[in-house]
Every structure is written in structure tokens, then in C-alpha cells.
Amino acid sequence: MSKKKILFICGSLNQTSMMHQISKHLEDYDCFFTPYYGDGYIKFLVDKGYLKFSILNGTFRWNTEKYLKEHNLQIDYRGINNNYDLVYTCADLIMPKNIRKKKVILVQEGMTDPENLMFYLVKYLKLSRWLASTSAMGISNKYTLFCVASNGYKDFFIRKGVKAEKIIVTGIPNFDNLQQFLNSDFPHKNFVLVATSDARETYKIENRKRLIQDCVRIANGRQLIFKLHPNENIERATREIKKFAPGALVYTSGNINYMVANCDALITQFSSTVYVGIAFGKEVHSAFDIEELKRLMPIQNNGTSAEQIARIGNHLVEVPEATLEEIHQKFDLKIE
């Protein structure tokens, strides 16, 4: 008898590694992986070489494909070669036609973009969700369950318009065991760390000169270290830093969590790295309200989120008639 099949739709490296971790607890199933994808005009644009700023194409997709191949994971591009019993996805900004009638588990990646004008246009005028980027995460409600990072995030997504009965607080892989990064061998100490964003590469507005100048002011003579976002134009970003923050160090690779462990202060705009700084009790500067971030802080469960998310998926596959209420009762979660 053939194994039941599960499809994992990946995205950024962070999202891809989360999906991989979940799959490790589903070894009784035939697991396949695919980079993020869309239908219709989205597919047309990707096939023509556009949308390289997104997880659909360009650096994000290349890194995902490299990761999948390096870990010898089964790849089924666009999920077209099998009939899947369950789908895990990292985002619902696009819900491809071939998964819309499947059982789908959406997994929160981390922090979402701020709600700007485009978010409200998408929400109330029913425009394409991808236009609002991650600020529209979850609001499609076109999935079976949504696994989120904390009770704070449950309330956060309900306020956005996500149906409460679809949300399960599981914690999220990569942010549920931050203490593991405290034993850092990063060579620098007592510095101010800046985690930059790819806002400009994704066609958002950012005044990088002002940001760098603010970082210099906050550092107030302390060593500045910039960790560039992997999707950034490295040459341009490095040139700007050298111009407006002479003496600052620039890192283009490396695990930023170990850098946070050694820093005195962390400066971010919209990066989930801020939660690492909060967990370590660092001086934190963010575009978001710090007290709100503390309420949203991902639960710390010693790295068991992936297993919990996999157990929920296992139940959906093996008990296909289960109702959402039964699933919540099964996993000791309360519908609000």
C-alpha cells in the first residue's frame, strides 16, 4: 500500500527550513517540496523572468532550490505530479488552484509587514492579497488551520480578520528555542547591531541615509555592525554604510542570532530578529512598538513547535472527518 502524500510549499530560506523541520516528524508519509508558486498571470510573469524581488523567483527561489537539493528532499515543482492528502504552506497571499480543495495548514513565518493603505485596499476592496505583502497574511481564510507563534499573535490575526476557529497556537520553528543561540562564538562583543531590510528591493519606501544616520546616533560611539538582508543589493548597501557610517563593519552572511547574543543593542525596522533581542533582554530599537512586540513574542517551548505542527497534520490526514472543534479539543486548545 502506497504512503499518503504531503506537499510542503516553501518560500524564503527561513520558511523552507521551517517546512523541512515539520517534515522530519512525518516520516510515515511521502513528503514532497516545492518553491512558492502561483497560477495565471503570476505564473506567466515568473516564467518570463519577472517578480525576482519576491519568494516566487530570483534569489529566494534559487536559495530554496539549493536547500532542497542539498538536503536530498523530494521536489515536485508546483505540486503537479501527485494527489496530495495534505498541504503545508508558508503563505496564503497566493493560493494556487491545485490546493484550494485540499486540507491546508498555513504556518506563520514570523513578523508581518505593517498595515499600510494597501492592506486596507486589499482587505475591503478584495484586491490580490500579494499586493499588501505579508501584512495580509492569514486573511484569505482559504486554509484549514493556521499555526501561529503565540496567544498574542492569535489575537493579532483575529483583529486582522482571520477566523478564530482556524487559529492554533503552536509556536513556530526557528523562533521557539532562542536560548540555544546564547552560546555564541561570534568574534565581536559590546557593539550595536543593525539588521537591515530588503524594503527597497521589494519596492517599498525606505530612507536608507536617514536610517544609517539614526543608527550612528543610537550607537553614540559604540562599534556599529550591519548585517545585511540576504535579498539586498549588497554593493549599494555597503557603499552607503561606508559613506554615512565610517568605521562600521558589514556582514553579508552568517547566523544573525549569534550576533544578537553578543551585541549590546539591536536596531531593526521590520525584522523578526527583534524577538531574539527581546528574548535576550537587549536594548532594542524597532519601527514597531516594543511593548506590542513583547505581547506578540513567540512562545518558547524548547523547539517542539515543528513536532506539534506535524502532529496536527497527522491528525488531519488520518481523521479526515474531524471538525475544527474536535481538532482543538484533541490538542487541548480552546476556540475563542
Protein backbone atom coordinates (compact mmCIF):
# COMPACT_ATOMS: atom_id res chain seq x y z
CA MET A 1 0.00 0.00 0.00
CA SER A 2 1.48 3.35 -1.03
CA LYS A 3 2.13 6.03 1.54
CA LYS A 4 -0.12 9.06 1.81
CA LYS A 5 1.43 12.18 0.36
CA ILE A 6 2.09 15.62 1.83
CA LEU A 7 3.20 18.71 -0.10
CA PHE A 8 5.28 21.45 1.52
CA ILE A 9 5.16 24.82 -0.25
CA CYS A 10 8.32 26.72 0.67
CA GLY A 11 9.45 30.33 0.27
CA SER A 12 12.41 32.10 1.84
CA LEU A 13 15.20 30.06 3.43
CA ASN A 14 13.62 30.64 6.84
CA GLN A 15 10.28 29.35 5.60
CA THR A 16 11.90 26.44 3.78
CA SER A 17 13.85 25.32 6.84
CA MET A 18 10.65 25.51 8.89
CA MET A 19 8.87 23.24 6.42
CA HIS A 20 11.80 20.83 6.47
CA GLN A 21 11.71 20.65 10.27
CA ILE A 22 7.99 19.84 10.23
CA SER A 23 8.50 17.11 7.63
CA LYS A 24 11.05 15.34 9.85
CA HIS A 25 8.15 14.41 12.15
CA LEU A 26 6.08 12.99 9.29
CA GLU A 27 8.35 10.18 8.14
CA ASP A 28 5.41 7.77 7.72
CA TYR A 29 4.28 9.89 4.76
CA ASP A 30 5.68 10.57 1.32
CA CYS A 31 6.79 14.20 1.61
CA PHE A 32 7.42 16.46 -1.38
CA PHE A 33 8.59 20.07 -1.56
CA THR A 34 8.20 22.93 -3.99
CA PRO A 35 9.27 26.57 -4.17
CA TYR A 36 6.40 29.03 -3.80
CA TYR A 37 4.25 29.34 -6.93
CA GLY A 38 1.14 30.90 -8.42
CA ASP A 39 -1.26 30.48 -11.34
CA GLY A 40 -2.37 32.53 -14.32
CA TYR A 41 -0.65 35.86 -14.83
CA ILE A 42 1.58 35.25 -11.79
CA LYS A 43 2.97 32.11 -13.41
CA PHE A 44 3.31 33.97 -16.72
CA LEU A 45 5.37 36.76 -15.10
CA VAL A 46 7.61 34.28 -13.28
CA ASP A 47 8.15 32.26 -16.47
CA LYS A 48 9.17 35.49 -18.23
CA GLY A 49 11.77 36.19 -15.54
CA TYR A 50 9.90 38.83 -13.54
CA LEU A 51 9.00 39.08 -9.81
CA LYS A 52 12.60 38.38 -8.79
CA PHE A 53 12.12 40.54 -5.69
CA SER A 54 9.64 38.02 -4.25
CA ILE A 55 9.72 34.44 -2.94
CA LEU A 56 8.30 33.38 -6.32
CA ASN A 57 11.54 33.97 -8.21
CA GLY A 58 15.09 35.31 -8.04
CA THR A 59 17.36 34.89 -5.02
CA PHE A 60 14.65 33.50 -2.76
CA ARG A 61 13.71 30.74 -5.19
CA TRP A 62 17.32 29.91 -6.08
CA ASN A 63 18.23 29.57 -2.40
CA THR A 64 15.19 27.39 -1.77
CA GLU A 65 16.02 25.07 -4.66
CA LYS A 66 19.62 24.85 -3.47
CA TYR A 67 18.47 23.99 0.07
CA LEU A 68 16.08 21.28 -1.14
CA LYS A 69 18.75 19.67 -3.30
CA GLU A 70 21.46 19.86 -0.62
CA HIS A 71 19.15 18.07 1.83
CA ASN A 72 18.08 15.47 -0.75
CA LEU A 73 14.42 16.34 -0.38
CA GLN A 74 11.88 15.17 -2.95
CA ILE A 75 10.90 18.04 -5.26
CA ASP A 76 7.58 18.30 -7.06
CA TYR A 77 7.53 21.70 -8.75
CA ARG A 78 4.11 23.30 -8.36
CA GLY A 79 2.82 20.08 -6.80
CA ILE A 80 1.54 18.74 -10.11
CA ASN A 81 2.83 15.17 -10.05
CA ASN A 82 0.88 13.77 -7.11
CA ASN A 83 -2.54 13.83 -5.48
CA TYR A 84 -1.82 15.17 -2.01
CA ASP A 85 -3.63 14.30 1.21
CA LEU A 86 -2.35 17.41 2.96
CA VAL A 87 -0.56 20.64 2.07
CA TYR A 88 1.60 22.83 4.31
CA THR A 89 2.22 26.34 3.04
CA CYS A 90 4.28 29.27 4.30
CA ALA A 91 1.91 31.96 2.98
CA ASP A 92 -1.66 32.41 1.77
CA LEU A 93 -1.00 35.57 -0.24
CA ILE A 94 -1.43 33.29 -3.25
CA MET A 95 -3.50 30.11 -3.01
CA PRO A 96 -2.82 28.06 -6.19
CA LYS A 97 -5.83 26.36 -7.75
CA ASN A 98 -4.44 22.86 -7.23
CA ILE A 99 -4.51 23.16 -3.42
CA ARG A 100 -7.80 25.00 -2.89
CA LYS A 101 -9.81 21.81 -2.32
CA LYS A 102 -7.12 20.19 -0.19
CA LYS A 103 -6.62 20.25 3.55
CA VAL A 104 -4.12 23.07 4.02
CA ILE A 105 -2.12 24.10 7.08
CA LEU A 106 -0.73 27.62 6.96
CA VAL A 107 2.34 28.20 9.14
CA GLN A 108 3.29 31.68 10.35
CA GLU A 109 6.87 32.58 9.43
CA GLY A 110 7.45 35.47 11.82
CA MET A 111 6.73 39.18 11.93
CA THR A 112 4.37 40.63 9.33
CA ASP A 113 4.66 43.94 7.50
CA PRO A 114 2.87 46.98 8.95
CA GLU A 115 -0.68 47.67 7.85
CA ASN A 116 -0.49 50.49 5.34
CA LEU A 117 -3.03 51.85 2.84
CA MET A 118 -2.55 48.87 0.53
CA PHE A 119 -3.53 46.47 3.32
CA TYR A 120 -6.89 48.15 3.73
CA LEU A 121 -7.46 48.34 -0.02
CA VAL A 122 -6.78 44.60 -0.26
CA LYS A 123 -8.97 43.78 2.73
CA TYR A 124 -12.02 45.86 1.83
CA LEU A 125 -11.83 46.00 -1.97
CA LYS A 126 -10.82 42.33 -2.27
CA LEU A 127 -7.72 43.09 -4.32
CA SER A 128 -5.00 40.45 -4.73
CA ARG A 129 -3.52 39.79 -1.29
CA TRP A 130 0.07 39.75 -2.51
CA LEU A 131 -0.23 43.48 -3.21
CA ALA A 132 -0.19 44.06 0.56
CA SER A 133 2.76 41.71 1.13
CA THR A 134 2.88 39.89 4.48
CA SER A 135 0.56 42.41 6.16
CA ALA A 136 -2.25 40.37 4.53
CA MET A 137 -1.02 37.05 5.93
CA GLY A 138 -3.90 34.84 7.02
CA ILE A 139 -6.81 36.99 5.90
CA SER A 140 -7.75 34.73 2.98
CA ASN A 141 -9.16 32.14 5.42
CA LYS A 142 -8.75 29.72 2.48
CA TYR A 143 -7.00 27.05 4.53
CA THR A 144 -7.95 24.52 7.14
CA LEU A 145 -5.79 25.68 10.03
CA PHE A 146 -3.32 28.47 10.76
CA CYS A 147 -0.45 27.67 13.15
CA VAL A 148 0.74 30.83 14.90
CA ALA A 149 3.57 31.86 17.19
CA SER A 150 1.76 32.93 20.37
CA ASN A 151 -1.51 33.88 22.01
CA GLY A 152 -0.59 37.48 21.26
CA TYR A 153 -0.39 36.67 17.58
CA LYS A 154 -3.69 34.80 17.76
CA ASP A 155 -5.40 38.00 18.92
CA PHE A 156 -3.39 39.97 16.35
CA PHE A 157 -4.58 37.85 13.42
CA ILE A 158 -8.18 37.74 14.65
CA ARG A 159 -8.18 41.54 14.65
CA LYS A 160 -6.98 41.45 11.03
CA GLY A 161 -9.92 39.27 10.01
CA VAL A 162 -8.73 35.68 10.46
CA LYS A 163 -11.44 33.32 11.73
CA ALA A 164 -10.68 32.45 15.35
CA GLU A 165 -11.60 28.78 14.96
CA LYS A 166 -8.92 28.35 12.29
CA ILE A 167 -6.06 29.50 14.53
CA ILE A 168 -3.97 27.14 16.64
CA VAL A 169 -1.18 28.44 18.86
CA THR A 170 1.71 26.05 18.31
CA GLY A 171 4.77 28.25 18.40
CA ILE A 172 6.81 28.39 15.21
CA PRO A 173 10.07 26.64 14.26
CA ASN A 174 13.21 28.80 14.29
CA PHE A 175 11.75 31.12 16.94
CA ASP A 176 10.71 28.69 19.70
CA ASN A 177 14.10 27.93 21.27
CA LEU A 178 16.06 31.17 21.17
CA GLN A 179 18.18 30.32 24.20
CA GLN A 180 20.18 27.94 22.01
CA PHE A 181 21.90 30.96 20.44
CA LEU A 182 23.30 32.30 23.70
CA ASN A 183 26.48 30.23 23.36
CA SER A 184 27.84 32.42 20.60
CA ASP A 185 31.29 32.27 19.06
CA PHE A 186 30.77 35.49 17.09
CA PRO A 187 34.14 37.30 17.42
CA HIS A 188 32.79 40.76 18.40
CA LYS A 189 31.22 41.92 21.67
CA ASN A 190 29.63 45.07 23.11
CA PHE A 191 28.55 46.52 19.78
CA VAL A 192 25.35 47.89 18.22
CA LEU A 193 23.91 45.51 15.64
CA VAL A 194 21.74 46.69 12.75
CA ALA A 195 19.56 44.16 10.92
CA THR A 196 18.70 45.83 7.62
CA SER A 197 15.73 45.04 5.38
CA ASP A 198 15.10 44.45 1.69
CA ALA A 199 12.40 47.14 1.59
CA ARG A 200 13.83 48.84 -1.47
CA GLU A 201 14.34 45.58 -3.32
CA THR A 202 10.65 44.76 -2.73
CA TYR A 203 9.53 48.21 -3.90
CA LYS A 204 8.74 49.70 -0.51
CA ILE A 205 9.86 53.13 0.64
CA GLU A 206 12.95 53.40 2.83
CA ASN A 207 15.23 56.34 3.53
CA ARG A 208 18.47 54.37 3.99
CA LYS A 209 20.58 57.50 4.57
CA ARG A 210 18.36 58.56 7.47
CA LEU A 211 18.33 55.02 8.86
CA ILE A 212 22.13 54.84 8.90
CA GLN A 213 22.39 58.28 10.49
CA ASP A 214 19.90 57.22 13.19
CA CYS A 215 22.00 54.13 13.83
CA VAL A 216 25.12 56.26 14.27
CA ARG A 217 23.23 58.46 16.75
CA ILE A 218 21.96 55.47 18.73
CA ALA A 219 25.40 53.86 18.79
CA ASN A 220 26.85 57.05 20.26
CA GLY A 221 30.45 55.98 19.73
CA ARG A 222 29.92 52.24 20.14
CA GLN A 223 31.05 49.91 17.35
CA LEU A 224 28.36 49.56 14.67
CA ILE A 225 27.88 46.28 12.83
CA PHE A 226 25.42 45.96 9.95
CA LYS A 227 24.04 42.54 8.97
CA LEU A 228 22.55 42.92 5.50
CA HIS A 229 19.34 41.22 4.45
CA PRO A 230 20.12 38.34 2.04
CA ASN A 231 17.85 39.85 -0.61
CA GLU A 232 19.57 43.25 -0.58
CA ASN A 233 21.72 44.89 -3.23
CA ILE A 234 24.92 44.24 -1.29
CA GLU A 235 27.15 46.57 -3.29
CA ARG A 236 24.80 49.52 -2.92
CA ALA A 237 24.09 48.90 0.76
CA THR A 238 27.78 48.54 1.61
CA ARG A 239 28.65 51.72 -0.26
CA GLU A 240 26.01 53.68 1.66
CA ILE A 241 27.16 52.35 5.02
CA LYS A 242 30.78 53.22 4.34
CA LYS A 243 29.71 56.73 3.36
CA PHE A 244 27.38 57.56 6.24
CA ALA A 245 28.83 55.36 9.00
CA PRO A 246 32.62 55.25 8.53
CA GLY A 247 34.19 52.54 10.65
CA ALA A 248 31.09 50.34 10.69
CA LEU A 249 31.52 46.66 9.90
CA VAL A 250 29.32 44.98 7.29
CA TYR A 251 28.34 41.30 7.28
CA THR A 252 26.57 39.78 4.30
CA SER A 253 26.26 36.25 5.67
CA GLY A 254 26.27 34.35 8.95
CA ASN A 255 23.62 33.47 11.53
CA ILE A 256 22.38 36.78 12.88
CA ASN A 257 21.05 35.17 16.06
CA TYR A 258 24.60 34.59 17.30
CA MET A 259 25.40 38.22 16.53
CA VAL A 260 22.40 39.34 18.59
CA ALA A 261 23.64 37.24 21.51
CA ASN A 262 26.86 39.28 21.67
CA CYS A 263 25.53 42.77 20.96
CA ASP A 264 24.65 45.49 23.45
CA ALA A 265 21.85 46.89 21.30
CA LEU A 266 19.82 45.75 18.30
CA ILE A 267 18.32 48.05 15.67
CA THR A 268 15.71 46.69 13.25
CA GLN A 269 12.79 48.01 11.27
CA PHE A 270 10.53 45.10 10.34
CA SER A 271 12.69 42.07 11.09
CA SER A 272 11.62 39.09 13.21
CA THR A 273 15.16 39.22 14.59
CA VAL A 274 13.77 41.76 17.05
CA TYR A 275 12.27 38.84 19.00
CA VAL A 276 15.74 37.41 19.55
CA GLY A 277 16.84 40.73 21.02
CA ILE A 278 13.80 40.87 23.28
CA ALA A 279 14.35 37.28 24.43
CA PHE A 280 17.94 38.13 25.38
CA GLY A 281 16.96 41.33 27.19
CA LYS A 282 18.88 43.56 24.78
CA GLU A 283 18.37 47.24 24.17
CA VAL A 284 16.04 47.05 21.17
CA HIS A 285 15.04 49.69 18.61
CA SER A 286 12.29 48.86 16.09
CA ALA A 287 9.76 50.54 13.81
CA PHE A 288 7.12 48.67 15.84
CA ASP A 289 6.04 49.44 19.40
CA ILE A 290 8.28 47.42 21.72
CA GLU A 291 5.52 46.71 24.25
CA GLU A 292 3.34 45.35 21.46
CA LEU A 293 6.21 43.15 20.30
CA LYS A 294 6.55 41.77 23.82
CA ARG A 295 2.87 40.79 23.72
CA LEU A 296 3.42 39.09 20.35
CA MET A 297 6.61 37.32 21.44
CA PRO A 298 6.71 33.72 20.07
CA ILE A 299 6.29 31.12 22.78
CA GLN A 300 9.43 29.30 23.85
CA ASN A 301 8.80 25.56 24.02
CA ASN A 302 12.32 24.14 23.68
CA GLY A 303 12.00 23.71 19.94
CA THR A 304 8.92 21.49 19.87
CA SER A 305 6.76 23.62 17.54
CA ALA A 306 7.63 21.61 14.41
CA GLU A 307 6.58 18.39 16.12
CA GLN A 308 3.33 19.94 17.34
CA ILE A 309 2.51 21.26 13.86
CA ALA A 310 3.29 17.83 12.39
CA ARG A 311 1.00 16.11 14.93
CA ILE A 312 -1.86 18.35 13.86
CA GLY A 313 -1.19 17.50 10.21
CA ASN A 314 -1.08 13.80 11.04
CA HIS A 315 -4.50 14.09 12.66
CA LEU A 316 -5.97 15.89 9.65
CA VAL A 317 -4.75 13.13 7.34
CA GLU A 318 -5.72 10.15 9.48
CA VAL A 319 -9.07 11.53 10.68
CA PRO A 320 -10.30 13.44 7.60
CA GLU A 321 -13.83 13.78 9.02
CA ALA A 322 -12.60 15.61 12.13
CA THR A 323 -14.19 19.01 12.71
CA LEU A 324 -12.22 22.08 13.73
CA GLU A 325 -13.79 21.89 17.18
CA GLU A 326 -12.67 18.28 17.56
CA ILE A 327 -9.15 19.20 16.47
CA HIS A 328 -8.98 21.95 19.06
CA GLN A 329 -10.22 19.58 21.76
CA LYS A 330 -7.74 16.92 20.67
CA PHE A 331 -4.83 19.30 21.11
CA ASP A 332 -6.15 20.98 24.25
CA LEU A 333 -6.72 24.27 22.52
CA LYS A 334 -9.71 26.49 23.15
CA ILE A 335 -11.79 28.18 20.48
CA GLU A 336 -12.35 31.78 21.49
